[in-house]
Amino acid sequence: MCLAIPTRVVERLPDSQALVDLGGVRKVISLELVDDVAVGDYVIVHVGYALTRLDPDEAAHTLALMAEAGIDVGGACP
């Protein structure tokens, strides 16, 4: 199962792509659906696409709730 989860952008790449990091897991995703994403932003990622940008405080809160619930986001599929 893939979850739509907050993921931090660590590098912008050519062709509307970015490298994201989630708990040490890095993956290239598409930014085709979201405008004005910068390094350090959090985005909600689902099946390889950023769906929206997310406030950093909201991202931290969501990730903390997922960890508290026992969801290992490091193994999720951004």
PDB file of N, CA and C in Angstrom:
ATOM      1  N   MET A   1       0.848  -1.173   0.000  1.00  0.00           N
ATOM      2  CA  MET A   1       0.000   0.000   0.000  1.00  0.00           C
ATOM      3  C   MET A   1       0.892   1.233   0.000  1.00  0.00           C
ATOM      4  N   CYS A   2       0.570   2.218  -0.800  1.00  0.00           N
ATOM      5  CA  CYS A   2       1.264   3.502  -0.806  1.00  0.00           C
ATOM      6  C   CYS A   2       0.408   4.532  -0.083  1.00  0.00           C
ATOM      7  N   LEU A   3       1.054   5.317   0.756  1.00  0.00           N
ATOM      8  CA  LEU A   3       0.359   6.390   1.457  1.00  0.00           C
ATOM      9  C   LEU A   3       0.757   7.720   0.855  1.00  0.00           C
ATOM     10  N   ALA A   4      -0.143   8.673   0.860  1.00  0.00           N
ATOM     11  CA  ALA A   4       0.211  10.047   0.489  1.00  0.00           C
ATOM     12  C   ALA A   4       0.808  10.675   1.740  1.00  0.00           C
ATOM     13  N   ILE A   5       2.118  10.923   1.726  1.00  0.00           N
ATOM     14  CA  ILE A   5       2.822  11.335   2.933  1.00  0.00           C
ATOM     15  C   ILE A   5       3.663  12.584   2.694  1.00  0.00           C
ATOM     16  N   PRO A   6       3.894  13.376   3.763  1.00  0.00           N
ATOM     17  CA  PRO A   6       4.765  14.549   3.632  1.00  0.00           C
ATOM     18  C   PRO A   6       6.209  14.111   3.412  1.00  0.00           C
ATOM     19  N   THR A   7       6.854  14.711   2.419  1.00  0.00           N
ATOM     20  CA  THR A   7       8.218  14.355   2.045  1.00  0.00           C
ATOM     21  C   THR A   7       8.991  15.633   1.743  1.00  0.00           C
ATOM     22  N   ARG A   8      10.254  15.711   2.199  1.00  0.00           N
ATOM     23  CA  ARG A   8      11.071  16.916   2.035  1.00  0.00           C
ATOM     24  C   ARG A   8      11.840  16.884   0.720  1.00  0.00           C
ATOM     25  N   VAL A   9      11.777  17.977  -0.028  1.00  0.00           N
ATOM     26  CA  VAL A   9      12.520  18.111  -1.282  1.00  0.00           C
ATOM     27  C   VAL A   9      13.973  18.450  -0.938  1.00  0.00           C
ATOM     28  N   VAL A  10      14.918  17.633  -1.436  1.00  0.00           N
ATOM     29  CA  VAL A  10      16.334  17.880  -1.160  1.00  0.00           C
ATOM     30  C   VAL A  10      17.089  18.383  -2.381  1.00  0.00           C
ATOM     31  N   GLU A  11      16.512  18.220  -3.571  1.00  0.00           N
ATOM     32  CA  GLU A  11      17.185  18.707  -4.776  1.00  0.00           C
ATOM     33  C   GLU A  11      16.174  18.848  -5.904  1.00  0.00           C
ATOM     34  N   ARG A  12      16.241  19.970  -6.626  1.00  0.00           N
ATOM     35  CA  ARG A  12      15.450  20.136  -7.846  1.00  0.00           C
ATOM     36  C   ARG A  12      16.240  19.536  -8.994  1.00  0.00           C
ATOM     37  N   LEU A  13      15.555  18.833  -9.872  1.00  0.00           N
ATOM     38  CA  LEU A  13      16.174  18.180 -11.016  1.00  0.00           C
ATOM     39  C   LEU A  13      15.538  18.702 -12.302  1.00  0.00           C
ATOM     40  N   PRO A  14      16.170  18.460 -13.445  1.00  0.00           N
ATOM     41  CA  PRO A  14      15.571  18.883 -14.719  1.00  0.00           C
ATOM     42  C   PRO A  14      14.224  18.192 -14.970  1.00  0.00           C
ATOM     43  N   ASP A  15      13.491  18.743 -15.920  1.00  0.00           N
ATOM     44  CA  ASP A  15      12.234  18.136 -16.391  1.00  0.00           C
ATOM     45  C   ASP A  15      11.178  18.012 -15.299  1.00  0.00           C
ATOM     46  N   SER A  16      11.040  19.050 -14.471  1.00  0.00           N
ATOM     47  CA  SER A  16      10.007  19.085 -13.416  1.00  0.00           C
ATOM     48  C   SER A  16      10.088  17.898 -12.465  1.00  0.00           C
ATOM     49  N   GLN A  17      11.303  17.527 -12.117  1.00  0.00           N
ATOM     50  CA  GLN A  17      11.494  16.445 -11.163  1.00  0.00           C
ATOM     51  C   GLN A  17      12.252  16.954  -9.946  1.00  0.00           C
ATOM     52  N   ALA A  18      12.201  16.173  -8.871  1.00  0.00           N
ATOM     53  CA  ALA A  18      12.916  16.521  -7.649  1.00  0.00           C
ATOM     54  C   ALA A  18      13.351  15.236  -6.952  1.00  0.00           C
ATOM     55  N   LEU A  19      14.412  15.367  -6.167  1.00  0.00           N
ATOM     56  CA  LEU A  19      14.842  14.290  -5.287  1.00  0.00           C
ATOM     57  C   LEU A  19      14.270  14.607  -3.919  1.00  0.00           C
ATOM     58  N   VAL A  20      13.561  13.637  -3.333  1.00  0.00           N
ATOM     59  CA  VAL A  20      12.960  13.829  -2.017  1.00  0.00           C
ATOM     60  C   VAL A  20      13.565  12.844  -1.031  1.00  0.00           C
ATOM     61  N   ASP A  21      13.441  13.189   0.254  1.00  0.00           N
ATOM     62  CA  ASP A  21      13.975  12.348   1.325  1.00  0.00           C
ATOM     63  C   ASP A  21      12.883  12.120   2.355  1.00  0.00           C
ATOM     64  N   LEU A  22      12.705  10.872   2.716  1.00  0.00           N
ATOM     65  CA  LEU A  22      11.750  10.518   3.756  1.00  0.00           C
ATOM     66  C   LEU A  22      12.406   9.500   4.659  1.00  0.00           C
ATOM     67  N   GLY A  23      12.868   9.960   5.800  1.00  0.00           N
ATOM     68  CA  GLY A  23      13.500   9.063   6.758  1.00  0.00           C
ATOM     69  C   GLY A  23      14.735   8.372   6.206  1.00  0.00           C
ATOM     70  N   GLY A  24      15.491   9.063   5.364  1.00  0.00           N
ATOM     71  CA  GLY A  24      16.692   8.486   4.789  1.00  0.00           C
ATOM     72  C   GLY A  24      16.479   7.767   3.467  1.00  0.00           C
ATOM     73  N   VAL A  25      15.241   7.561   3.092  1.00  0.00           N
ATOM     74  CA  VAL A  25      14.931   6.956   1.798  1.00  0.00           C
ATOM     75  C   VAL A  25      14.789   8.084   0.786  1.00  0.00           C
ATOM     76  N   ARG A  26      15.562   8.026  -0.295  1.00  0.00           N
ATOM     77  CA  ARG A  26      15.517   9.068  -1.319  1.00  0.00           C
ATOM     78  C   ARG A  26      14.962   8.510  -2.620  1.00  0.00           C
ATOM     79  N   LYS A  27      14.170   9.350  -3.278  1.00  0.00           N
ATOM     80  CA  LYS A  27      13.534   8.921  -4.520  1.00  0.00           C
ATOM     81  C   LYS A  27      13.292  10.135  -5.406  1.00  0.00           C
ATOM     82  N   VAL A  28      13.357   9.935  -6.706  1.00  0.00           N
ATOM     83  CA  VAL A  28      13.026  10.987  -7.670  1.00  0.00           C
ATOM     84  C   VAL A  28      11.521  10.966  -7.894  1.00  0.00           C
ATOM     85  N   ILE A  29      10.918  12.154  -7.816  1.00  0.00           N
ATOM     86  CA  ILE A  29       9.473  12.286  -8.032  1.00  0.00           C
ATOM     87  C   ILE A  29       9.206  13.356  -9.085  1.00  0.00           C
ATOM     88  N   SER A  30       7.979  13.421  -9.539  1.00  0.00           N
ATOM     89  CA  SER A  30       7.550  14.436 -10.490  1.00  0.00           C
ATOM     90  C   SER A  30       6.927  15.621  -9.751  1.00  0.00           C
ATOM     91  N   LEU A  31       7.251  16.835 -10.227  1.00  0.00           N
ATOM     92  CA  LEU A  31       6.637  18.058  -9.702  1.00  0.00           C
ATOM     93  C   LEU A  31       5.647  18.654 -10.697  1.00  0.00           C
ATOM     94  N   GLU A  32       5.245  17.879 -11.689  1.00  0.00           N
ATOM     95  CA  GLU A  32       4.357  18.361 -12.755  1.00  0.00           C
ATOM     96  C   GLU A  32       3.048  18.951 -12.227  1.00  0.00           C
ATOM     97  N   LEU A  33       2.564  18.493 -11.083  1.00  0.00           N
ATOM     98  CA  LEU A  33       1.252  18.909 -10.590  1.00  0.00           C
ATOM     99  C   LEU A  33       1.313  20.058  -9.583  1.00  0.00           C
ATOM    100  N   VAL A  34       2.537  20.494  -9.215  1.00  0.00           N
ATOM    101  CA  VAL A  34       2.687  21.514  -8.173  1.00  0.00           C
ATOM    102  C   VAL A  34       3.642  22.603  -8.667  1.00  0.00           C
ATOM    103  N   ASP A  35       3.251  23.860  -8.492  1.00  0.00           N
ATOM    104  CA  ASP A  35       4.082  24.989  -8.902  1.00  0.00           C
ATOM    105  C   ASP A  35       4.948  25.490  -7.743  1.00  0.00           C
ATOM    106  N   ASP A  36       6.062  26.111  -8.101  1.00  0.00           N
ATOM    107  CA  ASP A  36       6.905  26.853  -7.159  1.00  0.00           C
ATOM    108  C   ASP A  36       7.404  26.032  -5.974  1.00  0.00           C
ATOM    109  N   VAL A  37       7.877  24.837  -6.215  1.00  0.00           N
ATOM    110  CA  VAL A  37       8.457  24.009  -5.153  1.00  0.00           C
ATOM    111  C   VAL A  37       9.954  24.284  -5.097  1.00  0.00           C
ATOM    112  N   ALA A  38      10.459  24.512  -3.882  1.00  0.00           N
ATOM    113  CA  ALA A  38      11.877  24.809  -3.683  1.00  0.00           C
ATOM    114  C   ALA A  38      12.504  23.753  -2.778  1.00  0.00           C
ATOM    115  N   VAL A  39      13.832  23.672  -2.821  1.00  0.00           N
ATOM    116  CA  VAL A  39      14.556  22.784  -1.918  1.00  0.00           C
ATOM    117  C   VAL A  39      14.199  23.169  -0.486  1.00  0.00           C
ATOM    118  N   GLY A  40      13.906  22.158   0.335  1.00  0.00           N
ATOM    119  CA  GLY A  40      13.508  22.379   1.723  1.00  0.00           C
ATOM    120  C   GLY A  40      12.008  22.352   1.930  1.00  0.00           C
ATOM    121  N   ASP A  41      11.231  22.535   0.855  1.00  0.00           N
ATOM    122  CA  ASP A  41       9.772  22.459   0.962  1.00  0.00           C
ATOM    123  C   ASP A  41       9.344  21.025   1.252  1.00  0.00           C
ATOM    124  N   TYR A  42       8.201  20.898   1.894  1.00  0.00           N
ATOM    125  CA  TYR A  42       7.559  19.598   2.059  1.00  0.00           C
ATOM    126  C   TYR A  42       6.426  19.501   1.057  1.00  0.00           C
ATOM    127  N   VAL A  43       6.302  18.347   0.452  1.00  0.00           N
ATOM    128  CA  VAL A  43       5.217  18.087  -0.481  1.00  0.00           C
ATOM    129  C   VAL A  43       4.532  16.787  -0.084  1.00  0.00           C
ATOM    130  N   ILE A  44       3.260  16.701  -0.404  1.00  0.00           N
ATOM    131  CA  ILE A  44       2.540  15.441  -0.236  1.00  0.00           C
ATOM    132  C   ILE A  44       2.791  14.646  -1.508  1.00  0.00           C
ATOM    133  N   VAL A  45       3.328  13.432  -1.349  1.00  0.00           N
ATOM    134  CA  VAL A  45       3.692  12.600  -2.497  1.00  0.00           C
ATOM    135  C   VAL A  45       2.830  11.344  -2.501  1.00  0.00           C
ATOM    136  N   HIS A  46       2.343  11.018  -3.679  1.00  0.00           N
ATOM    137  CA  HIS A  46       1.595   9.775  -3.860  1.00  0.00           C
ATOM    138  C   HIS A  46       1.947   9.218  -5.232  1.00  0.00           C
ATOM    139  N   VAL A  47       2.301   7.969  -5.271  1.00  0.00           N
ATOM    140  CA  VAL A  47       2.684   7.228  -6.476  1.00  0.00           C
ATOM    141  C   VAL A  47       3.633   8.014  -7.388  1.00  0.00           C
ATOM    142  N   GLY A  48       4.631   8.654  -6.773  1.00  0.00           N
ATOM    143  CA  GLY A  48       5.671   9.307  -7.539  1.00  0.00           C
ATOM    144  C   GLY A  48       5.394  10.730  -7.971  1.00  0.00           C
ATOM    145  N   TYR A  49       4.261  11.301  -7.578  1.00  0.00           N
ATOM    146  CA  TYR A  49       3.908  12.671  -7.930  1.00  0.00           C
ATOM    147  C   TYR A  49       3.685  13.505  -6.679  1.00  0.00           C
ATOM    148  N   ALA A  50       4.260  14.719  -6.669  1.00  0.00           N
ATOM    149  CA  ALA A  50       3.918  15.675  -5.622  1.00  0.00           C
ATOM    150  C   ALA A  50       2.513  16.178  -5.920  1.00  0.00           C
ATOM    151  N   LEU A  51       1.645  16.141  -4.912  1.00  0.00           N
ATOM    152  CA  LEU A  51       0.266  16.585  -5.104  1.00  0.00           C
ATOM    153  C   LEU A  51       0.039  18.014  -4.633  1.00  0.00           C
ATOM    154  N   THR A  52       0.770  18.412  -3.579  1.00  0.00           N
ATOM    155  CA  THR A  52       0.632  19.755  -3.022  1.00  0.00           C
ATOM    156  C   THR A  52       1.806  20.058  -2.118  1.00  0.00           C
ATOM    157  N   ARG A  53       2.077  21.356  -1.912  1.00  0.00           N
ATOM    158  CA  ARG A  53       3.068  21.750  -0.912  1.00  0.00           C
ATOM    159  C   ARG A  53       2.396  21.759   0.450  1.00  0.00           C
ATOM    160  N   LEU A  54       3.210  21.582   1.482  1.00  0.00           N
ATOM    161  CA  LEU A  54       2.684  21.498   2.839  1.00  0.00           C
ATOM    162  C   LEU A  54       3.515  22.377   3.755  1.00  0.00           C
ATOM    163  N   ASP A  55       2.862  23.084   4.660  1.00  0.00           N
ATOM    164  CA  ASP A  55       3.532  23.881   5.669  1.00  0.00           C
ATOM    165  C   ASP A  55       4.471  22.982   6.483  1.00  0.00           C
ATOM    166  N   PRO A  56       5.713  23.432   6.757  1.00  0.00           N
ATOM    167  CA  PRO A  56       6.668  22.588   7.488  1.00  0.00           C
ATOM    168  C   PRO A  56       6.162  22.133   8.856  1.00  0.00           C
ATOM    169  N   ASP A  57       5.440  23.004   9.561  1.00  0.00           N
ATOM    170  CA  ASP A  57       4.903  22.611  10.873  1.00  0.00           C
ATOM    171  C   ASP A  57       3.850  21.513  10.725  1.00  0.00           C
ATOM    172  N   GLU A  58       3.005  21.646   9.710  1.00  0.00           N
ATOM    173  CA  GLU A  58       1.985  20.621   9.455  1.00  0.00           C
ATOM    174  C   GLU A  58       2.636  19.301   9.049  1.00  0.00           C
ATOM    175  N   ALA A  59       3.696  19.383   8.242  1.00  0.00           N
ATOM    176  CA  ALA A  59       4.415  18.174   7.838  1.00  0.00           C
ATOM    177  C   ALA A  59       5.003  17.471   9.059  1.00  0.00           C
ATOM    178  N   ALA A  60       5.655  18.226   9.941  1.00  0.00           N
ATOM    179  CA  ALA A  60       6.251  17.644  11.148  1.00  0.00           C
ATOM    180  C   ALA A  60       5.179  17.016  12.034  1.00  0.00           C
ATOM    181  N   HIS A  61       4.060  17.703  12.174  1.00  0.00           N
ATOM    182  CA  HIS A  61       2.957  17.186  12.989  1.00  0.00           C
ATOM    183  C   HIS A  61       2.404  15.881  12.399  1.00  0.00           C
ATOM    184  N   THR A  62       2.201  15.863  11.091  1.00  0.00           N
ATOM    185  CA  THR A  62       1.682  14.659  10.430  1.00  0.00           C
ATOM    186  C   THR A  62       2.646  13.487  10.566  1.00  0.00           C
ATOM    187  N   LEU A  63       3.937  13.737  10.335  1.00  0.00           N
ATOM    188  CA  LEU A  63       4.933  12.666  10.462  1.00  0.00           C
ATOM    189  C   LEU A  63       5.025  12.153  11.902  1.00  0.00           C
ATOM    190  N   ALA A  64       4.892  13.061  12.877  1.00  0.00           N
ATOM    191  CA  ALA A  64       4.908  12.645  14.290  1.00  0.00           C
ATOM    192  C   ALA A  64       3.703  11.774  14.617  1.00  0.00           C
ATOM    193  N   LEU A  65       2.543  12.152  14.101  1.00  0.00           N
ATOM    194  CA  LEU A  65       1.335  11.342  14.324  1.00  0.00           C
ATOM    195  C   LEU A  65       1.466   9.961  13.695  1.00  0.00           C
ATOM    196  N   MET A  66       2.048   9.909  12.502  1.00  0.00           N
ATOM    197  CA  MET A  66       2.229   8.619  11.839  1.00  0.00           C
ATOM    198  C   MET A  66       3.194   7.745  12.641  1.00  0.00           C
ATOM    199  N   ALA A  67       4.270   8.345  13.141  1.00  0.00           N
ATOM    200  CA  ALA A  67       5.230   7.592  13.957  1.00  0.00           C
ATOM    201  C   ALA A  67       4.575   7.108  15.243  1.00  0.00           C
ATOM    202  N   GLU A  68       3.778   7.962  15.861  1.00  0.00           N
ATOM    203  CA  GLU A  68       3.071   7.589  17.099  1.00  0.00           C
ATOM    204  C   GLU A  68       2.116   6.427  16.852  1.00  0.00           C
ATOM    205  N   ALA A  69       1.536   6.387  15.672  1.00  0.00           N
ATOM    206  CA  ALA A  69       0.611   5.303  15.319  1.00  0.00           C
ATOM    207  C   ALA A  69       1.340   4.038  14.903  1.00  0.00           C
ATOM    208  N   GLY A  70       2.675   4.112  14.852  1.00  0.00           N
ATOM    209  CA  GLY A  70       3.457   2.941  14.496  1.00  0.00           C
ATOM    210  C   GLY A  70       3.640   2.749  13.006  1.00  0.00           C
ATOM    211  N   ILE A  71       3.362   3.783  12.234  1.00  0.00           N
ATOM    212  CA  ILE A  71       3.533   3.702  10.783  1.00  0.00           C
ATOM    213  C   ILE A  71       4.967   4.066  10.438  1.00  0.00           C
ATOM    214  N   ASP A  72       5.695   3.149   9.851  1.00  0.00           N
ATOM    215  CA  ASP A  72       7.091   3.370   9.445  1.00  0.00           C
ATOM    216  C   ASP A  72       7.114   4.036   8.091  1.00  0.00           C
ATOM    217  N   VAL A  73       7.220   5.374   8.083  1.00  0.00           N
ATOM    218  CA  VAL A  73       7.177   6.104   6.827  1.00  0.00           C
ATOM    219  C   VAL A  73       8.452   5.932   6.023  1.00  0.00           C
ATOM    220  N   GLY A  74       9.521   5.469   6.620  1.00  0.00           N
ATOM    221  CA  GLY A  74      10.745   5.223   5.880  1.00  0.00           C
ATOM    222  C   GLY A  74      10.563   4.144   4.823  1.00  0.00           C
ATOM    223  N   GLY A  75       9.619   3.254   5.027  1.00  0.00           N
ATOM    224  CA  GLY A  75       9.371   2.192   4.072  1.00  0.00           C
ATOM    225  C   GLY A  75       8.196   2.472   3.155  1.00  0.00           C
ATOM    226  N   ALA A  76       7.575   3.644   3.299  1.00  0.00           N
ATOM    227  CA  ALA A  76       6.465   3.990   2.423  1.00  0.00           C
ATOM    228  C   ALA A  76       6.991   4.252   1.026  1.00  0.00           C
ATOM    229  N   CYS A  77       6.116   4.304   0.054  1.00  0.00           N
ATOM    230  CA  CYS A  77       6.575   4.484  -1.319  1.00  0.00           C
ATOM    231  C   CYS A  77       6.212   5.855  -1.834  1.00  0.00           C
ATOM    232  N   PRO A  78       7.079   6.857  -1.619  1.00  0.00           N
ATOM    233  CA  PRO A  78       6.766   8.208  -2.052  1.00  0.00           C
ATOM    234  C   PRO A  78       6.682   8.352  -3.539  1.00  0.00           C
TER     235      PRO A  78
END
